[in-house]
Amino acid sequence: MIIKICGMREPDNIRAVATLVRPDWMGFICWPGSKRFVAQVPAYLPQPPVQRVGVFVDAPVQYVRQQAEALGLHLIQLHGHEDEQYSHAIKEILHLPIIKAFGISDLSDIVKVNAYASRSSADYLLFDTSTPLVGGSGRQFDWSLLSHYTGPLPFLLSGGIGPADATQIRAFSHPRCIGIDLNSRFEVSAALKDVHALQAFAEELRQ
């Protein structure tokens, strides 16, 4: 199972999480509207095998390209209202895997996701809790809705996953679920993660 830790920014925290938690993917938010916004390249960035994910919200293609080069990104996450044409354009330019995020609140959202997945050039989906803002709500949506997801694209589960949820995640089953995304419920403050809580959670999940 892929473990993605998102909303990273502080160099020492990045190093500690990469070393002790050993996530598969680490996310850096490249959207100025977020309190976890990465305004400049951190003094330390995780090294392979940790993969760097840049999170963008309806960003100009040139900005995505600049940040991908500056941060040495391995994947691009689209967390806004980007359509299939936009995703295709990013892939054509950067030749990097694309993660498309969707907010989920009811069955109508799953219908939209199925339609998108059937015709998109994205590589992965990410299912988050639908909010008026862009992610970071700290709340979970009804995971049972995902039984209606029938698209071909693998997905990560996101939205309000916290330290006490390892058992619930291990019990969750869907043939396209390949991982989880962790963020606000593991924070001491914005963009600063509780390393020990993450480490304990990851160890329990990997057992």
N, C-alpha and C. Protein backbone atom coordinates (compact mmCIF):
# COMPACT_ATOMS: atom_id res chain seq x y z
N MET A 1 0.84 -1.21 0.00
CA MET A 1 0.00 0.00 0.00
C MET A 1 0.87 1.25 0.00
N ILE A 2 0.59 2.16 -0.93
CA ILE A 2 1.32 3.42 -1.00
C ILE A 2 0.92 4.32 0.16
N ILE A 3 1.91 4.86 0.85
CA ILE A 3 1.66 5.86 1.88
C ILE A 3 2.17 7.20 1.36
N LYS A 4 1.26 8.14 1.18
CA LYS A 4 1.60 9.49 0.74
C LYS A 4 1.37 10.44 1.91
N ILE A 5 2.38 11.22 2.21
CA ILE A 5 2.25 12.24 3.26
C ILE A 5 2.32 13.59 2.58
N CYS A 6 1.26 14.36 2.72
CA CYS A 6 1.14 15.60 1.96
C CYS A 6 1.27 16.83 2.87
N GLY A 7 1.48 17.98 2.23
CA GLY A 7 1.56 19.23 2.96
C GLY A 7 2.86 19.43 3.70
N MET A 8 3.95 18.92 3.12
CA MET A 8 5.27 19.07 3.75
C MET A 8 5.93 20.37 3.30
N ARG A 9 6.80 20.93 4.19
CA ARG A 9 7.46 22.18 3.83
C ARG A 9 8.75 22.43 4.61
N GLU A 10 8.79 22.06 5.89
CA GLU A 10 9.91 22.41 6.75
C GLU A 10 11.05 21.39 6.59
N PRO A 11 12.27 21.85 6.28
CA PRO A 11 13.38 20.95 5.94
C PRO A 11 13.65 19.86 6.98
N ASP A 12 13.76 20.21 8.25
CA ASP A 12 14.07 19.22 9.28
C ASP A 12 12.93 18.20 9.40
N ASN A 13 11.70 18.67 9.27
CA ASN A 13 10.54 17.80 9.35
C ASN A 13 10.50 16.86 8.15
N ILE A 14 10.82 17.38 6.99
CA ILE A 14 10.88 16.56 5.77
C ILE A 14 11.89 15.43 5.96
N ARG A 15 13.08 15.79 6.45
CA ARG A 15 14.15 14.80 6.65
C ARG A 15 13.72 13.72 7.64
N ALA A 16 13.11 14.16 8.76
CA ALA A 16 12.71 13.21 9.80
C ALA A 16 11.62 12.27 9.29
N VAL A 17 10.63 12.80 8.60
CA VAL A 17 9.55 11.97 8.07
C VAL A 17 10.09 10.99 7.03
N ALA A 18 10.96 11.47 6.15
CA ALA A 18 11.52 10.59 5.12
C ALA A 18 12.34 9.46 5.74
N THR A 19 13.08 9.78 6.80
CA THR A 19 13.97 8.81 7.42
C THR A 19 13.24 7.81 8.31
N LEU A 20 12.34 8.32 9.15
CA LEU A 20 11.70 7.48 10.16
C LEU A 20 10.40 6.83 9.69
N VAL A 21 9.64 7.54 8.88
CA VAL A 21 8.33 7.02 8.44
C VAL A 21 8.47 6.24 7.14
N ARG A 22 9.40 6.65 6.31
CA ARG A 22 9.66 6.03 5.01
C ARG A 22 8.41 5.97 4.13
N PRO A 23 7.80 7.13 3.87
CA PRO A 23 6.63 7.13 2.98
C PRO A 23 7.05 6.82 1.56
N ASP A 24 6.10 6.41 0.76
CA ASP A 24 6.38 6.16 -0.66
C ASP A 24 6.38 7.46 -1.44
N TRP A 25 5.41 8.32 -1.12
CA TRP A 25 5.26 9.61 -1.79
C TRP A 25 5.19 10.71 -0.74
N MET A 26 5.74 11.88 -1.08
CA MET A 26 5.65 13.04 -0.21
C MET A 26 5.14 14.22 -1.03
N GLY A 27 4.10 14.89 -0.53
CA GLY A 27 3.44 15.95 -1.29
C GLY A 27 3.84 17.34 -0.86
N PHE A 28 4.03 18.21 -1.86
CA PHE A 28 4.38 19.61 -1.65
C PHE A 28 3.32 20.48 -2.33
N ILE A 29 2.64 21.31 -1.56
CA ILE A 29 1.51 22.07 -2.08
C ILE A 29 1.99 23.36 -2.75
N CYS A 30 1.74 23.43 -4.02
CA CYS A 30 2.19 24.56 -4.85
C CYS A 30 1.01 25.45 -5.21
N TRP A 31 0.17 25.69 -4.24
CA TRP A 31 -1.01 26.56 -4.43
C TRP A 31 -0.96 27.66 -3.37
N PRO A 32 -0.83 28.92 -3.76
CA PRO A 32 -0.69 30.02 -2.80
C PRO A 32 -1.87 30.16 -1.83
N GLY A 33 -3.01 29.58 -2.16
CA GLY A 33 -4.16 29.69 -1.27
C GLY A 33 -4.11 28.77 -0.07
N SER A 34 -3.12 27.90 0.00
CA SER A 34 -3.01 26.96 1.11
C SER A 34 -2.08 27.48 2.19
N LYS A 35 -2.40 27.19 3.44
CA LYS A 35 -1.51 27.55 4.55
C LYS A 35 -0.29 26.64 4.59
N ARG A 36 -0.27 25.64 3.73
CA ARG A 36 0.89 24.74 3.62
C ARG A 36 1.67 25.03 2.33
N PHE A 37 1.41 26.18 1.74
CA PHE A 37 2.04 26.55 0.47
C PHE A 37 3.57 26.55 0.57
N VAL A 38 4.21 25.94 -0.41
CA VAL A 38 5.66 25.94 -0.48
C VAL A 38 6.08 27.14 -1.33
N ALA A 39 6.42 28.23 -0.68
CA ALA A 39 6.74 29.48 -1.38
C ALA A 39 8.15 29.46 -1.97
N GLN A 40 9.01 28.63 -1.41
CA GLN A 40 10.37 28.51 -1.94
C GLN A 40 10.83 27.07 -1.76
N VAL A 41 11.82 26.69 -2.52
CA VAL A 41 12.31 25.31 -2.45
C VAL A 41 12.90 25.05 -1.07
N PRO A 42 12.40 24.02 -0.37
CA PRO A 42 12.95 23.71 0.96
C PRO A 42 14.44 23.39 0.88
N ALA A 43 15.15 23.68 1.96
CA ALA A 43 16.59 23.43 2.01
C ALA A 43 16.92 21.95 1.95
N TYR A 44 15.94 21.11 2.30
CA TYR A 44 16.12 19.67 2.17
C TYR A 44 14.89 19.09 1.47
N LEU A 45 15.12 18.21 0.52
CA LEU A 45 14.05 17.50 -0.17
C LEU A 45 14.30 16.00 -0.06
N PRO A 46 13.24 15.21 0.03
CA PRO A 46 13.43 13.76 0.15
C PRO A 46 14.06 13.18 -1.11
N GLN A 47 14.85 12.14 -0.92
CA GLN A 47 15.53 11.49 -2.02
C GLN A 47 14.87 10.14 -2.32
N PRO A 48 15.02 9.63 -3.53
CA PRO A 48 14.48 8.31 -3.86
C PRO A 48 14.99 7.27 -2.86
N PRO A 49 14.13 6.32 -2.48
CA PRO A 49 12.91 5.93 -3.19
C PRO A 49 11.67 6.79 -2.91
N VAL A 50 11.75 7.78 -2.02
CA VAL A 50 10.60 8.65 -1.80
C VAL A 50 10.36 9.48 -3.06
N GLN A 51 9.11 9.47 -3.54
CA GLN A 51 8.74 10.21 -4.74
C GLN A 51 8.09 11.54 -4.35
N ARG A 52 8.52 12.64 -4.99
CA ARG A 52 8.00 13.97 -4.68
C ARG A 52 6.78 14.26 -5.56
N VAL A 53 5.71 14.67 -4.90
CA VAL A 53 4.45 15.00 -5.58
C VAL A 53 4.17 16.49 -5.44
N GLY A 54 3.95 17.17 -6.55
CA GLY A 54 3.56 18.57 -6.50
C GLY A 54 2.05 18.69 -6.62
N VAL A 55 1.44 19.42 -5.70
CA VAL A 55 -0.03 19.57 -5.68
C VAL A 55 -0.39 20.95 -6.22
N PHE A 56 -1.21 20.98 -7.26
CA PHE A 56 -1.57 22.22 -7.94
C PHE A 56 -3.09 22.37 -8.00
N VAL A 57 -3.54 23.63 -8.03
CA VAL A 57 -4.97 23.92 -8.11
C VAL A 57 -5.21 24.90 -9.26
N ASP A 58 -5.72 24.39 -10.37
CA ASP A 58 -6.07 25.24 -11.52
C ASP A 58 -4.93 26.19 -11.89
N ALA A 59 -3.73 25.67 -11.93
CA ALA A 59 -2.54 26.50 -12.14
C ALA A 59 -2.22 26.63 -13.63
N PRO A 60 -1.64 27.76 -14.04
CA PRO A 60 -1.15 27.88 -15.41
C PRO A 60 -0.12 26.78 -15.70
N VAL A 61 -0.15 26.26 -16.90
CA VAL A 61 0.74 25.16 -17.25
C VAL A 61 2.21 25.54 -17.04
N GLN A 62 2.56 26.79 -17.37
CA GLN A 62 3.95 27.21 -17.22
C GLN A 62 4.38 27.19 -15.74
N TYR A 63 3.47 27.54 -14.84
CA TYR A 63 3.79 27.50 -13.41
C TYR A 63 4.04 26.06 -12.96
N VAL A 64 3.22 25.14 -13.43
CA VAL A 64 3.42 23.73 -13.09
C VAL A 64 4.79 23.27 -13.58
N ARG A 65 5.13 23.66 -14.77
CA ARG A 65 6.43 23.28 -15.33
C ARG A 65 7.59 23.85 -14.50
N GLN A 66 7.49 25.10 -14.11
CA GLN A 66 8.54 25.73 -13.32
C GLN A 66 8.73 25.04 -11.98
N GLN A 67 7.61 24.74 -11.32
CA GLN A 67 7.69 24.10 -10.00
C GLN A 67 8.17 22.66 -10.11
N ALA A 68 7.78 21.99 -11.18
CA ALA A 68 8.24 20.61 -11.39
C ALA A 68 9.75 20.56 -11.52
N GLU A 69 10.30 21.53 -12.20
CA GLU A 69 11.75 21.59 -12.37
C GLU A 69 12.44 22.01 -11.07
N ALA A 70 11.89 23.01 -10.38
CA ALA A 70 12.51 23.53 -9.16
C ALA A 70 12.53 22.49 -8.03
N LEU A 71 11.44 21.74 -7.91
CA LEU A 71 11.31 20.77 -6.82
C LEU A 71 11.73 19.37 -7.23
N GLY A 72 12.04 19.17 -8.49
CA GLY A 72 12.41 17.84 -8.97
C GLY A 72 11.28 16.84 -8.77
N LEU A 73 10.08 17.22 -9.21
CA LEU A 73 8.89 16.40 -8.97
C LEU A 73 8.90 15.11 -9.77
N HIS A 74 8.28 14.09 -9.17
CA HIS A 74 8.13 12.80 -9.84
C HIS A 74 6.67 12.55 -10.27
N LEU A 75 5.74 13.23 -9.61
CA LEU A 75 4.32 13.12 -9.95
C LEU A 75 3.67 14.49 -9.80
N ILE A 76 2.58 14.70 -10.53
CA ILE A 76 1.80 15.93 -10.47
C ILE A 76 0.39 15.61 -9.99
N GLN A 77 -0.05 16.28 -8.92
CA GLN A 77 -1.41 16.11 -8.42
C GLN A 77 -2.23 17.34 -8.76
N LEU A 78 -3.37 17.13 -9.40
CA LEU A 78 -4.27 18.20 -9.80
C LEU A 78 -5.45 18.20 -8.84
N HIS A 79 -5.60 19.27 -8.06
CA HIS A 79 -6.59 19.29 -6.99
C HIS A 79 -7.67 20.35 -7.20
N GLY A 80 -7.80 20.82 -8.43
CA GLY A 80 -8.82 21.84 -8.71
C GLY A 80 -9.89 21.32 -9.65
N HIS A 81 -10.24 22.16 -10.63
CA HIS A 81 -11.29 21.79 -11.59
C HIS A 81 -10.70 21.44 -12.96
N GLU A 82 -9.48 20.94 -12.96
CA GLU A 82 -8.80 20.62 -14.20
C GLU A 82 -9.56 19.53 -14.99
N ASP A 83 -9.68 19.73 -16.30
CA ASP A 83 -10.37 18.75 -17.13
C ASP A 83 -9.37 17.81 -17.80
N GLU A 84 -9.90 16.91 -18.63
CA GLU A 84 -9.06 15.91 -19.27
C GLU A 84 -8.05 16.54 -20.21
N GLN A 85 -8.43 17.61 -20.89
CA GLN A 85 -7.53 18.28 -21.83
C GLN A 85 -6.33 18.89 -21.09
N TYR A 86 -6.59 19.46 -19.94
CA TYR A 86 -5.51 20.04 -19.14
C TYR A 86 -4.54 18.94 -18.69
N SER A 87 -5.09 17.85 -18.18
CA SER A 87 -4.26 16.74 -17.74
C SER A 87 -3.38 16.22 -18.88
N HIS A 88 -3.99 16.11 -20.05
CA HIS A 88 -3.24 15.62 -21.22
C HIS A 88 -2.12 16.59 -21.58
N ALA A 89 -2.39 17.89 -21.51
CA ALA A 89 -1.37 18.89 -21.83
C ALA A 89 -0.19 18.81 -20.87
N ILE A 90 -0.47 18.63 -19.58
CA ILE A 90 0.60 18.52 -18.59
C ILE A 90 1.45 17.29 -18.86
N LYS A 91 0.81 16.17 -19.20
CA LYS A 91 1.56 14.94 -19.48
C LYS A 91 2.42 15.10 -20.72
N GLU A 92 1.90 15.78 -21.72
CA GLU A 92 2.64 15.97 -22.96
C GLU A 92 3.90 16.79 -22.72
N ILE A 93 3.82 17.75 -21.81
CA ILE A 93 4.95 18.65 -21.56
C ILE A 93 5.96 18.05 -20.57
N LEU A 94 5.45 17.48 -19.48
CA LEU A 94 6.33 17.05 -18.40
C LEU A 94 6.66 15.55 -18.42
N HIS A 95 5.83 14.76 -19.06
CA HIS A 95 6.03 13.31 -19.10
C HIS A 95 6.11 12.71 -17.70
N LEU A 96 5.24 13.22 -16.81
CA LEU A 96 5.17 12.72 -15.45
C LEU A 96 3.78 12.15 -15.19
N PRO A 97 3.67 11.15 -14.28
CA PRO A 97 2.35 10.62 -13.92
C PRO A 97 1.47 11.70 -13.30
N ILE A 98 0.17 11.60 -13.58
CA ILE A 98 -0.81 12.57 -13.09
C ILE A 98 -1.76 11.91 -12.09
N ILE A 99 -1.95 12.60 -10.95
CA ILE A 99 -2.96 12.21 -9.96
C ILE A 99 -4.06 13.26 -10.02
N LYS A 100 -5.30 12.85 -10.27
CA LYS A 100 -6.41 13.80 -10.27
C LYS A 100 -7.26 13.58 -9.04
N ALA A 101 -7.42 14.64 -8.25
CA ALA A 101 -8.19 14.56 -7.00
C ALA A 101 -9.65 14.93 -7.23
N PHE A 102 -10.52 14.24 -6.51
CA PHE A 102 -11.95 14.53 -6.54
C PHE A 102 -12.50 14.60 -5.12
N GLY A 103 -13.30 15.62 -4.84
CA GLY A 103 -14.02 15.69 -3.58
C GLY A 103 -15.27 14.84 -3.66
N ILE A 104 -15.50 14.03 -2.63
CA ILE A 104 -16.64 13.11 -2.63
C ILE A 104 -17.59 13.47 -1.49
N SER A 105 -18.86 13.63 -1.83
CA SER A 105 -19.87 13.86 -0.79
C SER A 105 -21.08 12.94 -0.95
N ASP A 106 -21.41 12.59 -2.20
CA ASP A 106 -22.55 11.70 -2.43
C ASP A 106 -22.35 10.93 -3.74
N LEU A 107 -23.35 10.14 -4.10
CA LEU A 107 -23.23 9.26 -5.26
C LEU A 107 -23.05 10.01 -6.57
N SER A 108 -23.57 11.23 -6.66
CA SER A 108 -23.42 12.00 -7.89
C SER A 108 -21.95 12.29 -8.19
N ASP A 109 -21.14 12.43 -7.14
CA ASP A 109 -19.71 12.65 -7.35
C ASP A 109 -19.04 11.42 -7.95
N ILE A 110 -19.48 10.25 -7.53
CA ILE A 110 -18.91 9.01 -8.07
C ILE A 110 -19.27 8.86 -9.55
N VAL A 111 -20.47 9.28 -9.92
CA VAL A 111 -20.88 9.23 -11.32
C VAL A 111 -19.94 10.09 -12.16
N LYS A 112 -19.60 11.28 -11.65
CA LYS A 112 -18.68 12.17 -12.36
C LYS A 112 -17.29 11.54 -12.47
N VAL A 113 -16.85 10.91 -11.39
CA VAL A 113 -15.53 10.28 -11.39
C VAL A 113 -15.46 9.16 -12.41
N ASN A 114 -16.50 8.33 -12.48
CA ASN A 114 -16.52 7.22 -13.44
C ASN A 114 -16.42 7.74 -14.86
N ALA A 115 -17.12 8.84 -15.13
CA ALA A 115 -17.10 9.42 -16.47
C ALA A 115 -15.70 9.97 -16.78
N TYR A 116 -15.10 10.63 -15.80
CA TYR A 116 -13.75 11.18 -16.00
C TYR A 116 -12.73 10.06 -16.22
N ALA A 117 -12.78 9.05 -15.38
CA ALA A 117 -11.78 7.98 -15.41
C ALA A 117 -11.81 7.21 -16.74
N SER A 118 -12.98 7.15 -17.35
CA SER A 118 -13.10 6.37 -18.58
C SER A 118 -12.46 7.05 -19.78
N ARG A 119 -12.20 8.36 -19.70
CA ARG A 119 -11.68 9.07 -20.87
C ARG A 119 -10.44 9.92 -20.57
N SER A 120 -9.92 9.85 -19.34
CA SER A 120 -8.82 10.72 -18.95
C SER A 120 -7.46 10.09 -19.23
N SER A 121 -6.46 10.96 -19.34
CA SER A 121 -5.09 10.49 -19.47
C SER A 121 -4.37 10.49 -18.12
N ALA A 122 -5.11 10.72 -17.04
CA ALA A 122 -4.51 10.66 -15.70
C ALA A 122 -4.07 9.23 -15.41
N ASP A 123 -3.17 9.09 -14.44
CA ASP A 123 -2.67 7.77 -14.06
C ASP A 123 -3.28 7.26 -12.77
N TYR A 124 -3.62 8.19 -11.88
CA TYR A 124 -4.20 7.84 -10.59
C TYR A 124 -5.30 8.85 -10.24
N LEU A 125 -6.19 8.43 -9.36
CA LEU A 125 -7.17 9.33 -8.77
C LEU A 125 -6.89 9.42 -7.27
N LEU A 126 -7.40 10.47 -6.67
CA LEU A 126 -7.33 10.63 -5.21
C LEU A 126 -8.71 11.10 -4.76
N PHE A 127 -9.30 10.37 -3.83
CA PHE A 127 -10.64 10.70 -3.34
C PHE A 127 -10.53 11.38 -1.98
N ASP A 128 -10.99 12.63 -1.94
CA ASP A 128 -10.91 13.46 -0.74
C ASP A 128 -12.32 13.82 -0.29
N THR A 129 -12.43 14.39 0.88
CA THR A 129 -13.72 14.86 1.37
C THR A 129 -14.08 16.16 0.66
N SER A 130 -15.29 16.23 0.14
CA SER A 130 -15.74 17.43 -0.56
C SER A 130 -15.95 18.56 0.44
N THR A 131 -15.34 19.72 0.16
CA THR A 131 -15.48 20.89 1.03
C THR A 131 -15.62 22.14 0.16
N PRO A 132 -16.10 23.24 0.74
CA PRO A 132 -16.15 24.49 -0.03
C PRO A 132 -14.75 24.98 -0.41
N LEU A 133 -13.75 24.57 0.39
CA LEU A 133 -12.38 24.95 0.11
C LEU A 133 -11.71 23.84 -0.69
N VAL A 134 -10.39 23.78 -0.66
CA VAL A 134 -9.66 22.77 -1.43
C VAL A 134 -8.93 21.84 -0.47
N GLY A 135 -9.59 20.75 -0.05
CA GLY A 135 -8.96 19.77 0.81
C GLY A 135 -8.65 20.31 2.20
N GLY A 136 -7.93 19.49 2.97
CA GLY A 136 -7.48 19.92 4.30
C GLY A 136 -8.58 20.07 5.34
N SER A 137 -9.71 19.40 5.12
CA SER A 137 -10.84 19.57 6.04
C SER A 137 -10.65 18.81 7.35
N GLY A 138 -9.85 17.74 7.31
CA GLY A 138 -9.70 16.90 8.49
C GLY A 138 -10.90 16.00 8.73
N ARG A 139 -11.82 15.94 7.77
CA ARG A 139 -13.03 15.12 7.91
C ARG A 139 -13.04 14.00 6.89
N GLN A 140 -13.64 12.87 7.27
CA GLN A 140 -13.76 11.74 6.36
C GLN A 140 -15.10 11.78 5.65
N PHE A 141 -15.12 11.28 4.42
CA PHE A 141 -16.39 11.08 3.72
C PHE A 141 -16.81 9.61 3.89
N ASP A 142 -17.96 9.28 3.38
CA ASP A 142 -18.48 7.91 3.50
C ASP A 142 -17.77 7.01 2.49
N TRP A 143 -16.82 6.22 2.98
CA TRP A 143 -16.02 5.37 2.10
C TRP A 143 -16.86 4.32 1.38
N SER A 144 -18.02 3.98 1.91
CA SER A 144 -18.86 2.97 1.26
C SER A 144 -19.33 3.44 -0.12
N LEU A 145 -19.33 4.76 -0.35
CA LEU A 145 -19.71 5.28 -1.67
C LEU A 145 -18.77 4.77 -2.75
N LEU A 146 -17.55 4.45 -2.38
CA LEU A 146 -16.56 4.04 -3.37
C LEU A 146 -16.83 2.66 -3.95
N SER A 147 -17.77 1.93 -3.36
CA SER A 147 -18.16 0.64 -3.97
C SER A 147 -18.78 0.87 -5.34
N HIS A 148 -19.23 2.11 -5.61
CA HIS A 148 -19.83 2.44 -6.90
C HIS A 148 -18.80 2.95 -7.91
N TYR A 149 -17.56 3.08 -7.47
CA TYR A 149 -16.53 3.49 -8.43
C TYR A 149 -16.12 2.27 -9.25
N THR A 150 -16.31 2.36 -10.56
CA THR A 150 -16.03 1.22 -11.45
C THR A 150 -15.02 1.58 -12.53
N GLY A 151 -14.38 2.73 -12.41
CA GLY A 151 -13.43 3.16 -13.42
C GLY A 151 -12.16 2.34 -13.43
N PRO A 152 -11.34 2.50 -14.45
CA PRO A 152 -10.12 1.70 -14.60
C PRO A 152 -8.92 2.24 -13.83
N LEU A 153 -8.98 3.48 -13.34
CA LEU A 153 -7.81 4.10 -12.73
C LEU A 153 -7.67 3.73 -11.25
N PRO A 154 -6.46 3.39 -10.80
CA PRO A 154 -6.25 3.14 -9.37
C PRO A 154 -6.37 4.44 -8.57
N PHE A 155 -6.68 4.32 -7.28
CA PHE A 155 -6.88 5.53 -6.49
C PHE A 155 -6.24 5.44 -5.11
N LEU A 156 -6.02 6.64 -4.53
CA LEU A 156 -5.61 6.78 -3.14
C LEU A 156 -6.78 7.33 -2.34
N LEU A 157 -6.88 6.86 -1.11
CA LEU A 157 -7.93 7.31 -0.20
C LEU A 157 -7.40 8.44 0.65
N SER A 158 -8.15 9.55 0.72
CA SER A 158 -7.71 10.73 1.45
C SER A 158 -8.89 11.30 2.24
N GLY A 159 -8.61 12.32 3.04
CA GLY A 159 -9.67 13.02 3.74
C GLY A 159 -9.83 12.58 5.19
N GLY A 160 -9.21 13.29 6.11
CA GLY A 160 -9.46 13.07 7.53
C GLY A 160 -8.94 11.77 8.10
N ILE A 161 -7.97 11.14 7.46
CA ILE A 161 -7.39 9.92 8.01
C ILE A 161 -6.46 10.31 9.15
N GLY A 162 -6.69 9.70 10.32
CA GLY A 162 -5.93 10.08 11.51
C GLY A 162 -5.23 8.92 12.17
N PRO A 163 -4.53 9.17 13.28
CA PRO A 163 -3.73 8.15 13.95
C PRO A 163 -4.49 6.91 14.39
N ALA A 164 -5.80 7.03 14.61
CA ALA A 164 -6.58 5.88 15.10
C ALA A 164 -7.24 5.08 13.98
N ASP A 165 -6.91 5.38 12.73
CA ASP A 165 -7.66 4.80 11.61
C ASP A 165 -6.98 3.64 10.90
N ALA A 166 -5.86 3.15 11.41
CA ALA A 166 -5.14 2.08 10.71
C ALA A 166 -5.99 0.83 10.54
N THR A 167 -6.71 0.44 11.59
CA THR A 167 -7.55 -0.76 11.52
C THR A 167 -8.66 -0.59 10.49
N GLN A 168 -9.27 0.60 10.47
CA GLN A 168 -10.33 0.89 9.51
C GLN A 168 -9.80 0.82 8.08
N ILE A 169 -8.61 1.32 7.86
CA ILE A 169 -8.03 1.29 6.52
C ILE A 169 -7.72 -0.14 6.09
N ARG A 170 -7.18 -0.92 7.00
CA ARG A 170 -6.86 -2.30 6.67
C ARG A 170 -8.11 -3.11 6.36
N ALA A 171 -9.24 -2.69 6.93
CA ALA A 171 -10.51 -3.39 6.69
C ALA A 171 -11.17 -2.94 5.39
N PHE A 172 -10.76 -1.77 4.87
CA PHE A 172 -11.36 -1.24 3.65
C PHE A 172 -10.85 -2.03 2.45
N SER A 173 -11.76 -2.38 1.56
CA SER A 173 -11.39 -3.18 0.40
C SER A 173 -12.02 -2.63 -0.87
N HIS A 174 -11.18 -2.40 -1.87
CA HIS A 174 -11.64 -2.03 -3.21
C HIS A 174 -10.52 -2.43 -4.18
N PRO A 175 -10.88 -3.08 -5.28
CA PRO A 175 -9.83 -3.58 -6.19
C PRO A 175 -8.94 -2.51 -6.79
N ARG A 176 -9.38 -1.24 -6.77
CA ARG A 176 -8.57 -0.16 -7.36
C ARG A 176 -7.85 0.69 -6.32
N CYS A 177 -8.05 0.40 -5.04
CA CYS A 177 -7.40 1.19 -3.99
C CYS A 177 -5.96 0.74 -3.83
N ILE A 178 -5.02 1.68 -4.02
CA ILE A 178 -3.60 1.33 -3.94
C ILE A 178 -2.87 2.07 -2.82
N GLY A 179 -3.56 2.96 -2.10
CA GLY A 179 -2.84 3.69 -1.06
C GLY A 179 -3.68 4.72 -0.35
N ILE A 180 -3.01 5.47 0.54
CA ILE A 180 -3.68 6.48 1.35
C ILE A 180 -2.87 7.77 1.33
N ASP A 181 -3.55 8.86 1.63
CA ASP A 181 -2.94 10.18 1.68
C ASP A 181 -3.18 10.76 3.08
N LEU A 182 -2.09 11.15 3.75
CA LEU A 182 -2.17 11.65 5.12
C LEU A 182 -1.75 13.11 5.16
N ASN A 183 -2.47 13.91 5.98
CA ASN A 183 -2.10 15.31 6.07
C ASN A 183 -2.50 15.91 7.42
N SER A 184 -3.62 16.62 7.45
CA SER A 184 -3.92 17.52 8.57
C SER A 184 -4.07 16.83 9.92
N ARG A 185 -4.55 15.60 9.95
CA ARG A 185 -4.77 14.92 11.24
C ARG A 185 -3.46 14.48 11.91
N PHE A 186 -2.36 14.62 11.20
CA PHE A 186 -1.05 14.28 11.76
C PHE A 186 -0.18 15.51 11.97
N GLU A 187 -0.80 16.68 11.99
CA GLU A 187 -0.03 17.92 12.09
C GLU A 187 0.04 18.47 13.51
N VAL A 188 1.21 19.01 13.84
CA VAL A 188 1.39 19.80 15.06
C VAL A 188 0.95 21.23 14.78
N SER A 189 1.28 21.71 13.60
CA SER A 189 0.83 22.99 13.08
C SER A 189 0.89 22.88 11.57
N ALA A 190 0.42 23.89 10.87
CA ALA A 190 0.35 23.82 9.41
C ALA A 190 1.71 23.47 8.81
N ALA A 191 1.73 22.40 8.03
CA ALA A 191 2.93 21.93 7.32
C ALA A 191 3.99 21.34 8.22
N LEU A 192 3.68 21.12 9.49
CA LEU A 192 4.63 20.50 10.42
C LEU A 192 4.00 19.22 10.98
N LYS A 193 4.56 18.08 10.60
CA LYS A 193 3.96 16.80 10.95
C LYS A 193 4.51 16.23 12.26
N ASP A 194 3.64 15.48 12.95
CA ASP A 194 4.02 14.75 14.15
C ASP A 194 4.71 13.47 13.67
N VAL A 195 6.02 13.46 13.69
CA VAL A 195 6.79 12.35 13.13
C VAL A 195 6.50 11.05 13.86
N HIS A 196 6.43 11.10 15.19
CA HIS A 196 6.23 9.87 15.95
C HIS A 196 4.84 9.28 15.72
N ALA A 197 3.84 10.13 15.59
CA ALA A 197 2.48 9.63 15.30
C ALA A 197 2.45 8.99 13.91
N LEU A 198 3.11 9.60 12.95
CA LEU A 198 3.18 9.03 11.61
C LEU A 198 3.94 7.71 11.60
N GLN A 199 5.03 7.66 12.34
CA GLN A 199 5.83 6.45 12.39
C GLN A 199 5.04 5.29 12.99
N ALA A 200 4.34 5.54 14.08
CA ALA A 200 3.54 4.50 14.72
C ALA A 200 2.42 4.03 13.81
N PHE A 201 1.78 4.99 13.14
CA PHE A 201 0.69 4.67 12.24
C PHE A 201 1.19 3.81 11.08
N ALA A 202 2.31 4.21 10.46
CA ALA A 202 2.85 3.48 9.32
C ALA A 202 3.26 2.07 9.71
N GLU A 203 3.85 1.92 10.89
CA GLU A 203 4.25 0.59 11.35
C GLU A 203 3.05 -0.31 11.56
N GLU A 204 1.98 0.25 12.13
CA GLU A 204 0.76 -0.55 12.34
C GLU A 204 0.14 -0.94 11.01
N LEU A 205 0.14 0.00 10.07
CA LEU A 205 -0.47 -0.27 8.77
C LEU A 205 0.31 -1.32 8.00
N ARG A 206 1.62 -1.35 8.17
CA ARG A 206 2.47 -2.27 7.41
C ARG A 206 2.54 -3.67 8.01
N GLN A 207 2.02 -3.86 9.22
CA GLN A 207 2.07 -5.17 9.86
C GLN A 207 1.27 -6.20 9.06
